[in-house]
Protein backbone atom coordinates (compact mmCIF):
# COMPACT_ATOMS: atom_id res chain seq x y z
CA UNK A 1 -16.14 -0.26 -9.82
CA UNK A 2 -12.71 -0.80 -8.33
CA UNK A 3 -12.35 -3.97 -6.27
CA UNK A 4 -9.63 -4.59 -3.69
CA UNK A 5 -10.17 -8.37 -3.66
CA UNK A 6 -6.73 -8.97 -5.23
CA UNK A 7 -5.16 -7.01 -2.34
CA UNK A 8 -6.36 -9.52 0.23
CA UNK A 9 -5.38 -12.44 -1.99
CA UNK A 10 -1.88 -10.96 -2.32
CA UNK A 11 -1.59 -10.47 1.45
CA UNK A 12 -2.62 -14.09 1.99
CA UNK A 13 -0.18 -15.44 -0.63
CA UNK A 14 2.69 -13.50 0.95
CA UNK A 15 1.70 -14.51 4.47
CA UNK A 16 1.21 -10.91 5.60
CA UNK A 17 -1.47 -9.23 7.69
CA UNK A 18 -3.05 -5.81 8.03
CA UNK A 19 -1.29 -5.61 11.40
CA UNK A 20 2.06 -5.89 9.59
CA UNK A 21 1.13 -3.07 7.21
CA UNK A 22 0.01 -0.78 10.03
CA UNK A 23 2.59 -1.44 12.73
CA UNK A 24 5.64 -2.52 10.73
CA UNK A 25 5.27 -0.56 7.49
CA UNK A 26 3.52 2.59 8.76
CA UNK A 27 0.26 2.50 6.79
CA UNK A 28 -2.62 4.16 8.57
CA UNK A 29 -5.46 2.09 9.95
CA UNK A 30 -7.79 4.49 8.13
CA UNK A 31 -6.22 3.54 4.79
CA UNK A 32 -6.83 -0.14 5.40
CA UNK A 33 -10.35 0.65 6.61
CA UNK A 34 -11.00 2.48 3.33
CA UNK A 35 -9.73 -0.52 1.36
CA UNK A 36 -11.91 -2.88 3.39
CA UNK A 37 -14.97 -0.70 2.70
CA UNK A 38 -14.15 -0.43 -1.02
CA UNK A 39 -13.53 3.31 -0.84
CA UNK A 40 -10.99 5.30 -2.82
CA UNK A 41 -7.29 5.42 -1.97
CA UNK A 42 -4.68 7.67 -3.54
CA UNK A 43 -2.28 6.59 -6.25
CA UNK A 44 0.50 7.45 -3.82
CA UNK A 45 -0.89 4.86 -1.39
CA UNK A 46 -1.30 2.37 -4.22
CA UNK A 47 2.33 2.94 -5.20
CA UNK A 48 3.48 2.45 -1.60
CA UNK A 49 1.50 -0.80 -1.29
CA UNK A 50 3.03 -2.10 -4.53
CA UNK A 51 6.50 -1.27 -3.22
CA UNK A 52 6.02 -2.87 0.20
CA UNK A 53 4.28 -5.96 -1.17
CA UNK A 54 6.66 -6.20 -4.15
CA UNK A 55 3.78 -6.61 -6.57
CA UNK A 56 1.98 -5.03 -9.52
CA UNK A 57 -1.03 -2.71 -9.38
CA UNK A 58 -3.26 -5.53 -10.64
CA UNK A 59 -2.24 -7.54 -7.56
CA UNK A 60 -4.00 -4.90 -5.44
CA UNK A 61 -6.95 -3.62 -7.45
CA UNK A 62 -9.11 -4.70 -10.37
CA UNK A 63 -11.93 -3.10 -12.30
CA UNK A 64 -15.31 -4.83 -12.26
CA UNK A 65 -18.24 -3.66 -14.36
CA UNK A 66 -21.39 -3.41 -12.30
């Protein structure tokens, strides 16, 4: 299962909020809702998050065996 726990840790470390991503960087609220619910996002979105947050993929998602 893919976990987005590192995403929230990265936001916290960088002092950023979901508000910043939605209103300043143009991410949709639906995208952040999907992340919060642990649902799938596209690799394009993942790439955009990595670019905006200046981080690696593993700073946003991780794989956890159930």
